[in-house]
Amino acid sequence: YKTRGRIYVDCEGIYDYDEVTECLQKVFGIVGICPV
C-alpha cells in the first residue's frame, strides 16, 4: 500500500526474507528496499 508519499510492504505471519528481497530487487522503479 501507499500512504503519504511512501510505499510499504507488510509481511503478515511467516515469510522467507531472502525470497521477498530477491523478488523486490526485480521490480523496476524501486531504488531501495528498507527492512523496517
Full PDB file with SEQRES, HELIX, SHEET, SSBOND, CRYST1, ORIGX, SCALE, CONECT and MASTER records, all heavy atoms in Angstrom:
SEQRES   1 A   36  TYR LYS THR ARG GLY ARG ILE TYR VAL ASP CYS GLU GLY          
SEQRES   2 A   36  ILE TYR ASP TYR ASP GLU VAL THR GLU CYS LEU GLN LYS          
SEQRES   3 A   36  VAL PHE GLY ILE VAL GLY ILE CYS PRO VAL                      
HELIX    1 AA1 TYR A   17  LEU A   24  1                                   8    
SHEET    1 AA1 2 LYS A   2  THR A   3  0                                        
SHEET    2 AA1 2 ARG A   6  ILE A   7 -1                                        
CRYST1    1.000    1.000    1.000  90.00  90.00  90.00 P 1           1          
ORIGX1      1.000000  0.000000  0.000000        0.00000                         
ORIGX2      0.000000  1.000000  0.000000        0.00000                         
ORIGX3      0.000000  0.000000  1.000000        0.00000                         
SCALE1      1.000000  0.000000  0.000000        0.00000                         
SCALE2      0.000000  1.000000  0.000000        0.00000                         
SCALE3      0.000000  0.000000  1.000000        0.00000                         
ATOM      1  N   TYR A   1       0.843  -1.199   0.000  1.00  0.00           N  
ATOM      2  CA  TYR A   1       0.000   0.000   0.000  1.00  0.00           C  
ATOM      3  C   TYR A   1       0.876   1.247   0.000  1.00  0.00           C  
ATOM      4  O   TYR A   1       2.076   1.207   0.307  1.00  0.00           O  
ATOM      5  CB  TYR A   1      -0.918   0.010   1.223  1.00  0.00           C  
ATOM      6  CG  TYR A   1      -0.198  -0.027   2.555  1.00  0.00           C  
ATOM      7  CD1 TYR A   1       0.046   1.140   3.272  1.00  0.00           C  
ATOM      8  CD2 TYR A   1       0.255  -1.231   3.085  1.00  0.00           C  
ATOM      9  CE1 TYR A   1       0.715   1.115   4.485  1.00  0.00           C  
ATOM     10  CE2 TYR A   1       0.925  -1.275   4.298  1.00  0.00           C  
ATOM     11  CZ  TYR A   1       1.151  -0.102   4.998  1.00  0.00           C  
ATOM     12  OH  TYR A   1       1.835  -0.128   6.190  1.00  0.00           O  
ATOM     13  N   LYS A   2       0.275   2.360  -0.372  1.00  0.00           N  
ATOM     14  CA  LYS A   2       0.989   3.637  -0.331  1.00  0.00           C  
ATOM     15  C   LYS A   2       0.262   4.582   0.617  1.00  0.00           C  
ATOM     16  O   LYS A   2      -0.962   4.545   0.741  1.00  0.00           O  
ATOM     17  CB  LYS A   2       1.101   4.251  -1.724  1.00  0.00           C  
ATOM     18  CG  LYS A   2      -0.218   4.646  -2.365  1.00  0.00           C  
ATOM     19  CD  LYS A   2       0.007   5.419  -3.658  1.00  0.00           C  
ATOM     20  CE  LYS A   2      -1.320   5.933  -4.209  1.00  0.00           C  
ATOM     21  NZ  LYS A   2      -1.167   6.831  -5.349  1.00  0.00           N  
ATOM     22  N   THR A   3       1.046   5.395   1.294  1.00  0.00           N  
ATOM     23  CA  THR A   3       0.483   6.384   2.199  1.00  0.00           C  
ATOM     24  C   THR A   3       1.461   7.533   2.357  1.00  0.00           C  
ATOM     25  O   THR A   3       2.652   7.321   2.583  1.00  0.00           O  
ATOM     26  CB  THR A   3       0.155   5.756   3.576  1.00  0.00           C  
ATOM     27  OG1 THR A   3      -0.325   6.765   4.453  1.00  0.00           O  
ATOM     28  CG2 THR A   3       1.364   5.092   4.214  1.00  0.00           C  
ATOM     29  N   ARG A   4       0.972   8.742   2.184  1.00  0.00           N  
ATOM     30  CA  ARG A   4       1.771   9.957   2.372  1.00  0.00           C  
ATOM     31  C   ARG A   4       3.117   9.913   1.646  1.00  0.00           C  
ATOM     32  O   ARG A   4       4.169  10.170   2.231  1.00  0.00           O  
ATOM     33  CB  ARG A   4       1.997  10.207   3.863  1.00  0.00           C  
ATOM     34  CG  ARG A   4       0.724  10.495   4.632  1.00  0.00           C  
ATOM     35  CD  ARG A   4       1.016  10.966   6.025  1.00  0.00           C  
ATOM     36  NE  ARG A   4      -0.204  11.222   6.766  1.00  0.00           N  
ATOM     37  CZ  ARG A   4      -0.212  11.675   8.022  1.00  0.00           C  
ATOM     38  NH1 ARG A   4       0.920  11.929   8.646  1.00  0.00           N  
ATOM     39  NH2 ARG A   4      -1.367  11.878   8.635  1.00  0.00           N  
ATOM     40  N   GLY A   5       3.065   9.550   0.377  1.00  0.00           N  
ATOM     41  CA  GLY A   5       4.280   9.575  -0.425  1.00  0.00           C  
ATOM     42  C   GLY A   5       5.235   8.434  -0.148  1.00  0.00           C  
ATOM     43  O   GLY A   5       6.394   8.476  -0.568  1.00  0.00           O  
ATOM     44  N   ARG A   6       4.781   7.413   0.571  1.00  0.00           N  
ATOM     45  CA  ARG A   6       5.606   6.240   0.849  1.00  0.00           C  
ATOM     46  C   ARG A   6       4.877   4.986   0.384  1.00  0.00           C  
ATOM     47  O   ARG A   6       3.649   4.927   0.401  1.00  0.00           O  
ATOM     48  CB  ARG A   6       5.875   6.105   2.355  1.00  0.00           C  
ATOM     49  CG  ARG A   6       6.739   7.207   2.942  1.00  0.00           C  
ATOM     50  CD  ARG A   6       8.167   7.015   2.539  1.00  0.00           C  
ATOM     51  NE  ARG A   6       9.096   7.622   3.456  1.00  0.00           N  
ATOM     52  CZ  ARG A   6      10.239   8.157   3.084  1.00  0.00           C  
ATOM     53  NH1 ARG A   6      10.565   8.179   1.813  1.00  0.00           N  
ATOM     54  NH2 ARG A   6      11.078   8.659   3.960  1.00  0.00           N  
ATOM     55  N   ILE A   7       5.645   3.977  -0.019  1.00  0.00           N  
ATOM     56  CA  ILE A   7       5.068   2.672  -0.342  1.00  0.00           C  
ATOM     57  C   ILE A   7       5.624   1.662   0.654  1.00  0.00           C  
ATOM     58  O   ILE A   7       6.838   1.614   0.899  1.00  0.00           O  
ATOM     59  CB  ILE A   7       5.395   2.257  -1.789  1.00  0.00           C  
ATOM     60  CG1 ILE A   7       4.677   3.198  -2.771  1.00  0.00           C  
ATOM     61  CG2 ILE A   7       4.985   0.808  -2.046  1.00  0.00           C  
ATOM     62  CD1 ILE A   7       5.003   2.941  -4.225  1.00  0.00           C  
ATOM     63  N   TYR A   8       4.729   0.870   1.232  1.00  0.00           N  
ATOM     64  CA  TYR A   8       5.126  -0.117   2.233  1.00  0.00           C  
ATOM     65  C   TYR A   8       4.684  -1.513   1.797  1.00  0.00           C  
ATOM     66  O   TYR A   8       3.667  -1.673   1.109  1.00  0.00           O  
ATOM     67  CB  TYR A   8       4.489   0.187   3.592  1.00  0.00           C  
ATOM     68  CG  TYR A   8       4.948   1.486   4.214  1.00  0.00           C  
ATOM     69  CD1 TYR A   8       4.198   2.651   4.075  1.00  0.00           C  
ATOM     70  CD2 TYR A   8       6.131   1.552   4.950  1.00  0.00           C  
ATOM     71  CE1 TYR A   8       4.610   3.843   4.644  1.00  0.00           C  
ATOM     72  CE2 TYR A   8       6.555   2.738   5.526  1.00  0.00           C  
ATOM     73  CZ  TYR A   8       5.795   3.884   5.371  1.00  0.00           C  
ATOM     74  OH  TYR A   8       6.215   5.062   5.926  1.00  0.00           O  
ATOM     75  N   VAL A   9       5.446  -2.507   2.227  1.00  0.00           N  
ATOM     76  CA  VAL A   9       5.053  -3.905   2.088  1.00  0.00           C  
ATOM     77  C   VAL A   9       5.006  -4.492   3.489  1.00  0.00           C  
ATOM     78  O   VAL A   9       6.041  -4.593   4.164  1.00  0.00           O  
ATOM     79  CB  VAL A   9       6.053  -4.703   1.219  1.00  0.00           C  
ATOM     80  CG1 VAL A   9       5.627  -6.170   1.135  1.00  0.00           C  
ATOM     81  CG2 VAL A   9       6.172  -4.094  -0.167  1.00  0.00           C  
ATOM     82  N   ASP A  10       3.816  -4.851   3.945  1.00  0.00           N  
ATOM     83  CA  ASP A  10       3.665  -5.509   5.250  1.00  0.00           C  
ATOM     84  C   ASP A  10       3.660  -7.019   5.041  1.00  0.00           C  
ATOM     85  O   ASP A  10       2.923  -7.533   4.182  1.00  0.00           O  
ATOM     86  CB  ASP A  10       2.362  -5.084   5.928  1.00  0.00           C  
ATOM     87  CG  ASP A  10       2.419  -3.661   6.464  1.00  0.00           C  
ATOM     88  OD1 ASP A  10       3.530  -3.093   6.505  1.00  0.00           O  
ATOM     89  OD2 ASP A  10       1.355  -3.118   6.828  1.00  0.00           O  
ATOM     90  N   CYS A  11       4.471  -7.717   5.802  1.00  0.00           N  
ATOM     91  CA  CYS A  11       4.577  -9.179   5.706  1.00  0.00           C  
ATOM     92  C   CYS A  11       3.865  -9.773   6.920  1.00  0.00           C  
ATOM     93  O   CYS A  11       4.320  -9.590   8.060  1.00  0.00           O  
ATOM     94  CB  CYS A  11       6.039  -9.607   5.681  1.00  0.00           C  
ATOM     95  SG  CYS A  11       7.020  -8.741   4.445  1.00  0.00           S  
ATOM     96  N   GLU A  12       2.774 -10.452   6.656  1.00  0.00           N  
ATOM     97  CA  GLU A  12       1.957 -10.983   7.745  1.00  0.00           C  
ATOM     98  C   GLU A  12       2.296 -12.450   7.964  1.00  0.00           C  
ATOM     99  O   GLU A  12       2.254 -13.255   7.040  1.00  0.00           O  
ATOM    100  CB  GLU A  12       0.474 -10.800   7.410  1.00  0.00           C  
ATOM    101  CG  GLU A  12       0.096  -9.324   7.228  1.00  0.00           C  
ATOM    102  CD  GLU A  12      -1.253  -9.122   6.565  1.00  0.00           C  
ATOM    103  OE1 GLU A  12      -1.927 -10.153   6.295  1.00  0.00           O  
ATOM    104  OE2 GLU A  12      -1.627  -7.961   6.301  1.00  0.00           O  
ATOM    105  N   GLY A  13       2.643 -12.784   9.201  1.00  0.00           N  
ATOM    106  CA  GLY A  13       2.972 -14.173   9.523  1.00  0.00           C  
ATOM    107  C   GLY A  13       4.374 -14.547   9.084  1.00  0.00           C  
ATOM    108  O   GLY A  13       5.278 -13.717   8.970  1.00  0.00           O  
ATOM    109  N   ILE A  14       4.557 -15.836   8.795  1.00  0.00           N  
ATOM    110  CA  ILE A  14       5.879 -16.365   8.443  1.00  0.00           C  
ATOM    111  C   ILE A  14       6.144 -16.140   6.954  1.00  0.00           C  
ATOM    112  O   ILE A  14       5.274 -16.379   6.114  1.00  0.00           O  
ATOM    113  CB  ILE A  14       5.955 -17.874   8.774  1.00  0.00           C  
ATOM    114  CG1 ILE A  14       5.773 -18.091  10.278  1.00  0.00           C  
ATOM    115  CG2 ILE A  14       7.287 -18.469   8.322  1.00  0.00           C  
ATOM    116  CD1 ILE A  14       5.600 -19.546  10.671  1.00  0.00           C  
ATOM    117  N   TYR A  15       7.356 -15.678   6.631  1.00  0.00           N  
ATOM    118  CA  TYR A  15       7.740 -15.482   5.233  1.00  0.00           C  
ATOM    119  C   TYR A  15       9.239 -15.671   5.110  1.00  0.00           C  
ATOM    120  O   TYR A  15       9.970 -15.701   6.115  1.00  0.00           O  
ATOM    121  CB  TYR A  15       7.334 -14.085   4.747  1.00  0.00           C  
ATOM    122  CG  TYR A  15       8.194 -12.965   5.294  1.00  0.00           C  
ATOM    123  CD1 TYR A  15       9.220 -12.410   4.525  1.00  0.00           C  
ATOM    124  CD2 TYR A  15       8.011 -12.478   6.588  1.00  0.00           C  
ATOM    125  CE1 TYR A  15      10.024 -11.398   5.034  1.00  0.00           C  
ATOM    126  CE2 TYR A  15       8.805 -11.471   7.100  1.00  0.00           C  
ATOM    127  CZ  TYR A  15       9.817 -10.926   6.312  1.00  0.00           C  
ATOM    128  OH  TYR A  15      10.618  -9.938   6.814  1.00  0.00           O  
ATOM    129  N   ASP A  16       9.715 -15.827   3.878  1.00  0.00           N  
ATOM    130  CA  ASP A  16      11.140 -16.006   3.600  1.00  0.00           C  
ATOM    131  C   ASP A  16      11.748 -14.645   3.254  1.00  0.00           C  
ATOM    132  O   ASP A  16      11.494 -14.102   2.182  1.00  0.00           O  
ATOM    133  CB  ASP A  16      11.321 -17.007   2.448  1.00  0.00           C  
ATOM    134  CG  ASP A  16      12.787 -17.360   2.201  1.00  0.00           C  
ATOM    135  OD1 ASP A  16      13.658 -16.501   2.436  1.00  0.00           O  
ATOM    136  OD2 ASP A  16      13.055 -18.495   1.771  1.00  0.00           O  
ATOM    137  N   TYR A  17      12.549 -14.106   4.157  1.00  0.00           N  
ATOM    138  CA  TYR A  17      13.131 -12.768   3.983  1.00  0.00           C  
ATOM    139  C   TYR A  17      13.937 -12.676   2.689  1.00  0.00           C  
ATOM    140  O   TYR A  17      13.791 -11.726   1.909  1.00  0.00           O  
ATOM    141  CB  TYR A  17      14.018 -12.454   5.194  1.00  0.00           C  
ATOM    142  CG  TYR A  17      14.789 -11.158   5.104  1.00  0.00           C  
ATOM    143  CD1 TYR A  17      14.232  -9.966   5.552  1.00  0.00           C  
ATOM    144  CD2 TYR A  17      16.084 -11.121   4.587  1.00  0.00           C  
ATOM    145  CE1 TYR A  17      14.938  -8.769   5.482  1.00  0.00           C  
ATOM    146  CE2 TYR A  17      16.797  -9.934   4.509  1.00  0.00           C  
ATOM    147  CZ  TYR A  17      16.217  -8.769   4.952  1.00  0.00           C  
ATOM    148  OH  TYR A  17      16.930  -7.590   4.873  1.00  0.00           O  
ATOM    149  N   ASP A  18      14.797 -13.661   2.440  1.00  0.00           N  
ATOM    150  CA  ASP A  18      15.655 -13.625   1.246  1.00  0.00           C  
ATOM    151  C   ASP A  18      14.828 -13.696  -0.033  1.00  0.00           C  
ATOM    152  O   ASP A  18      15.134 -13.008  -1.017  1.00  0.00           O  
ATOM    153  CB  ASP A  18      16.668 -14.786   1.280  1.00  0.00           C  
ATOM    154  CG  ASP A  18      17.700 -14.610   2.380  1.00  0.00           C  
ATOM    155  OD1 ASP A  18      17.980 -13.452   2.747  1.00  0.00           O  
ATOM    156  OD2 ASP A  18      18.216 -15.628   2.883  1.00  0.00           O  
ATOM    157  N   GLU A  19      13.778 -14.517  -0.021  1.00  0.00           N  
ATOM    158  CA  GLU A  19      12.920 -14.639  -1.203  1.00  0.00           C  
ATOM    159  C   GLU A  19      12.210 -13.324  -1.499  1.00  0.00           C  
ATOM    160  O   GLU A  19      12.138 -12.884  -2.657  1.00  0.00           O  
ATOM    161  CB  GLU A  19      11.891 -15.758  -0.986  1.00  0.00           C  
ATOM    162  CG  GLU A  19      10.990 -16.000  -2.191  1.00  0.00           C  
ATOM    163  CD  GLU A  19       9.896 -17.017  -1.920  1.00  0.00           C  
ATOM    164  OE1 GLU A  19       9.492 -17.162  -0.735  1.00  0.00           O  
ATOM    165  OE2 GLU A  19       9.432 -17.652  -2.883  1.00  0.00           O  
ATOM    166  N   VAL A  20      11.711 -12.669  -0.472  1.00  0.00           N  
ATOM    167  CA  VAL A  20      10.984 -11.417  -0.656  1.00  0.00           C  
ATOM    168  C   VAL A  20      11.912 -10.327  -1.183  1.00  0.00           C  
ATOM    169  O   VAL A  20      11.570  -9.606  -2.139  1.00  0.00           O  
ATOM    170  CB  VAL A  20      10.311 -10.981   0.666  1.00  0.00           C  
ATOM    171  CG1 VAL A  20       9.784  -9.553   0.553  1.00  0.00           C  
ATOM    172  CG2 VAL A  20       9.171 -11.923   1.003  1.00  0.00           C  
ATOM    173  N   THR A  21      13.098 -10.198  -0.591  1.00  0.00           N  
ATOM    174  CA  THR A  21      14.024  -9.157  -1.068  1.00  0.00           C  
ATOM    175  C   THR A  21      14.477  -9.442  -2.491  1.00  0.00           C  
ATOM    176  O   THR A  21      14.630  -8.515  -3.301  1.00  0.00           O  
ATOM    177  CB  THR A  21      15.241  -9.029  -0.138  1.00  0.00           C  
ATOM    178  OG1 THR A  21      15.874 -10.309   0.027  1.00  0.00           O  
ATOM    179  CG2 THR A  21      14.832  -8.491   1.219  1.00  0.00           C  
ATOM    180  N   GLU A  22      14.656 -10.724  -2.833  1.00  0.00           N  
ATOM    181  CA  GLU A  22      15.041 -11.070  -4.208  1.00  0.00           C  
ATOM    182  C   GLU A  22      13.938 -10.692  -5.192  1.00  0.00           C  
ATOM    183  O   GLU A  22      14.213 -10.163  -6.282  1.00  0.00           O  
ATOM    184  CB  GLU A  22      15.344 -12.569  -4.307  1.00  0.00           C  
ATOM    185  CG  GLU A  22      15.874 -12.989  -5.657  1.00  0.00           C  
ATOM    186  CD  GLU A  22      16.200 -14.476  -5.722  1.00  0.00           C  
ATOM    187  OE1 GLU A  22      16.517 -15.073  -4.675  1.00  0.00           O  
ATOM    188  OE2 GLU A  22      16.125 -15.044  -6.828  1.00  0.00           O  
ATOM    189  N   CYS A  23      12.687 -10.932  -4.826  1.00  0.00           N  
ATOM    190  CA  CYS A  23      11.560 -10.545  -5.691  1.00  0.00           C  
ATOM    191  C   CYS A  23      11.500  -9.033  -5.863  1.00  0.00           C  
ATOM    192  O   CYS A  23      11.314  -8.524  -6.972  1.00  0.00           O  
ATOM    193  CB  CYS A  23      10.239 -11.045  -5.096  1.00  0.00           C  
ATOM    194  SG  CYS A  23      10.007 -12.833  -5.155  1.00  0.00           S  
ATOM    195  N   LEU A  24      11.665  -8.300  -4.781  1.00  0.00           N  
ATOM    196  CA  LEU A  24      11.573  -6.842  -4.841  1.00  0.00           C  
ATOM    197  C   LEU A  24      12.722  -6.234  -5.639  1.00  0.00           C  
ATOM    198  O   LEU A  24      12.558  -5.188  -6.274  1.00  0.00           O  
ATOM    199  CB  LEU A  24      11.553  -6.250  -3.428  1.00  0.00           C  
ATOM    200  CG  LEU A  24      10.304  -6.562  -2.593  1.00  0.00           C  
ATOM    201  CD1 LEU A  24      10.469  -6.039  -1.168  1.00  0.00           C  
ATOM    202  CD2 LEU A  24       9.058  -5.961  -3.229  1.00  0.00           C  
ATOM    203  N   GLN A  25      13.878  -6.895  -5.637  1.00  0.00           N  
ATOM    204  CA  GLN A  25      15.027  -6.380  -6.386  1.00  0.00           C  
ATOM    205  C   GLN A  25      14.857  -6.515  -7.894  1.00  0.00           C  
ATOM    206  O   GLN A  25      15.706  -6.042  -8.646  1.00  0.00           O  
ATOM    207  CB  GLN A  25      16.308  -7.090  -5.938  1.00  0.00           C  
ATOM    208  CG  GLN A  25      16.842  -6.576  -4.602  1.00  0.00           C  
ATOM    209  CD  GLN A  25      18.149  -7.228  -4.212  1.00  0.00           C  
ATOM    210  OE1 GLN A  25      18.217  -8.429  -3.951  1.00  0.00           O  
ATOM    211  NE2 GLN A  25      19.208  -6.444  -4.176  1.00  0.00           N  
ATOM    212  N   LYS A  26      13.770  -7.147  -8.330  1.00  0.00           N  
ATOM    213  CA  LYS A  26      13.492  -7.270  -9.755  1.00  0.00           C  
ATOM    214  C   LYS A  26      12.359  -6.346 -10.216  1.00  0.00           C  
ATOM    215  O   LYS A  26      11.914  -6.439 -11.354  1.00  0.00           O  
ATOM    216  CB  LYS A  26      13.137  -8.724 -10.097  1.00  0.00           C  
ATOM    217  CG  LYS A  26      14.323  -9.677  -9.940  1.00  0.00           C  
ATOM    218  CD  LYS A  26      13.966 -11.101 -10.310  1.00  0.00           C  
ATOM    219  CE  LYS A  26      15.192 -12.009 -10.231  1.00  0.00           C  
ATOM    220  NZ  LYS A  26      14.867 -13.412 -10.544  1.00  0.00           N  
ATOM    221  N   VAL A  27      11.917  -5.456  -9.332  1.00  0.00           N  
ATOM    222  CA  VAL A  27      10.808  -4.559  -9.677  1.00  0.00           C  
ATOM    223  C   VAL A  27      11.375  -3.210 -10.108  1.00  0.00           C  
ATOM    224  O   VAL A  27      11.959  -2.483  -9.286  1.00  0.00           O  
ATOM    225  CB  VAL A  27       9.845  -4.377  -8.493  1.00  0.00           C  
ATOM    226  CG1 VAL A  27       8.724  -3.406  -8.870  1.00  0.00           C  
ATOM    227  CG2 VAL A  27       9.255  -5.719  -8.072  1.00  0.00           C  
ATOM    228  N   PHE A  28      11.219  -2.887 -11.387  1.00  0.00           N  
ATOM    229  CA  PHE A  28      11.700  -1.603 -11.881  1.00  0.00           C  
ATOM    230  C   PHE A  28      10.907  -0.465 -11.235  1.00  0.00           C  
ATOM    231  O   PHE A  28       9.691  -0.549 -11.078  1.00  0.00           O  
ATOM    232  CB  PHE A  28      11.576  -1.522 -13.399  1.00  0.00           C  
ATOM    233  CG  PHE A  28      12.494  -2.456 -14.128  1.00  0.00           C  
ATOM    234  CD1 PHE A  28      12.023  -3.260 -15.155  1.00  0.00           C  
ATOM    235  CD2 PHE A  28      13.831  -2.540 -13.795  1.00  0.00           C  
ATOM    236  CE1 PHE A  28      12.864  -4.118 -15.848  1.00  0.00           C  
ATOM    237  CE2 PHE A  28      14.692  -3.392 -14.464  1.00  0.00           C  
ATOM    238  CZ  PHE A  28      14.207  -4.180 -15.491  1.00  0.00           C  
ATOM    239  N   GLY A  29      11.617   0.591 -10.893  1.00  0.00           N  
ATOM    240  CA  GLY A  29      11.026   1.720 -10.186  1.00  0.00           C  
ATOM    241  C   GLY A  29      11.490   1.805  -8.745  1.00  0.00           C  
ATOM    242  O   GLY A  29      11.435   2.869  -8.123  1.00  0.00           O  
ATOM    243  N   ILE A  30      11.952   0.666  -8.192  1.00  0.00           N  
ATOM    244  CA  ILE A  30      12.459   0.649  -6.818  1.00  0.00           C  
ATOM    245  C   ILE A  30      13.950   0.964  -6.822  1.00  0.00           C  
ATOM    246  O   ILE A  30      14.715   0.312  -7.526  1.00  0.00           O  
ATOM    247  CB  ILE A  30      12.220  -0.730  -6.164  1.00  0.00           C  
ATOM    248  CG1 ILE A  30      10.725  -1.016  -6.015  1.00  0.00           C  
ATOM    249  CG2 ILE A  30      12.913  -0.813  -4.802  1.00  0.00           C  
ATOM    250  CD1 ILE A  30      10.410  -2.393  -5.447  1.00  0.00           C  
ATOM    251  N   VAL A  31      14.362   1.952  -6.031  1.00  0.00           N  
ATOM    252  CA  VAL A  31      15.794   2.232  -5.899  1.00  0.00           C  
ATOM    253  C   VAL A  31      16.353   1.721  -4.580  1.00  0.00           C  
ATOM    254  O   VAL A  31      17.563   1.534  -4.441  1.00  0.00           O  
ATOM    255  CB  VAL A  31      16.117   3.735  -6.061  1.00  0.00           C  
ATOM    256  CG1 VAL A  31      15.698   4.236  -7.422  1.00  0.00           C  
ATOM    257  CG2 VAL A  31      15.475   4.555  -4.969  1.00  0.00           C  
ATOM    258  N   GLY A  32      15.481   1.501  -3.591  1.00  0.00           N  
ATOM    259  CA  GLY A  32      15.953   0.987  -2.314  1.00  0.00           C  
ATOM    260  C   GLY A  32      14.863   0.234  -1.577  1.00  0.00           C  
ATOM    261  O   GLY A  32      13.686   0.602  -1.637  1.00  0.00           O  
ATOM    262  N   ILE A  33      15.254  -0.839  -0.884  1.00  0.00           N  
ATOM    263  CA  ILE A  33      14.332  -1.659  -0.095  1.00  0.00           C  
ATOM    264  C   ILE A  33      14.839  -1.612   1.337  1.00  0.00           C  
ATOM    265  O   ILE A  33      15.952  -2.055   1.630  1.00  0.00           O  
ATOM    266  CB  ILE A  33      14.309  -3.118  -0.600  1.00  0.00           C  
ATOM    267  CG1 ILE A  33      13.952  -3.159  -2.100  1.00  0.00           C  
ATOM    268  CG2 ILE A  33      13.350  -3.964   0.226  1.00  0.00           C  
ATOM    269  CD1 ILE A  33      14.556  -4.339  -2.826  1.00  0.00           C  
ATOM    270  N   CYS A  34      14.034  -1.057   2.231  1.00  0.00           N  
ATOM    271  CA  CYS A  34      14.469  -0.855   3.617  1.00  0.00           C  
ATOM    272  C   CYS A  34      13.689  -1.779   4.549  1.00  0.00           C  
ATOM    273  O   CYS A  34      12.476  -1.581   4.732  1.00  0.00           O  
ATOM    274  CB  CYS A  34      14.248   0.592   4.040  1.00  0.00           C  
ATOM    275  SG  CYS A  34      14.986   1.797   2.932  1.00  0.00           S  
ATOM    276  N   PRO A  35      14.348  -2.793   5.142  1.00  0.00           N  
ATOM    277  CA  PRO A  35      13.669  -3.599   6.172  1.00  0.00           C  
ATOM    278  C   PRO A  35      13.427  -2.725   7.409  1.00  0.00           C  
ATOM    279  O   PRO A  35      14.347  -2.124   7.952  1.00  0.00           O  
ATOM    280  CB  PRO A  35      14.682  -4.716   6.474  1.00  0.00           C  
ATOM    281  CG  PRO A  35      15.691  -4.661   5.361  1.00  0.00           C  
ATOM    282  CD  PRO A  35      15.716  -3.247   4.891  1.00  0.00           C  
ATOM    283  N   VAL A  36      12.174  -2.653   7.829  1.00  0.00           N  
ATOM    284  CA  VAL A  36      11.759  -1.680   8.839  1.00  0.00           C  
ATOM    285  C   VAL A  36      11.261  -2.394  10.087  1.00  0.00           C  
ATOM    286  O   VAL A  36      10.560  -3.408  10.001  1.00  0.00           O  
ATOM    287  CB  VAL A  36      10.636  -0.782   8.268  1.00  0.00           C  
ATOM    288  CG1 VAL A  36       9.987   0.050   9.357  1.00  0.00           C  
ATOM    289  CG2 VAL A  36      11.180   0.120   7.176  1.00  0.00           C  
TER     290      VAL A  36                                                      
MASTER        0    0    0    1    2    0    0    6  289    1    0    3          
END                                                                             
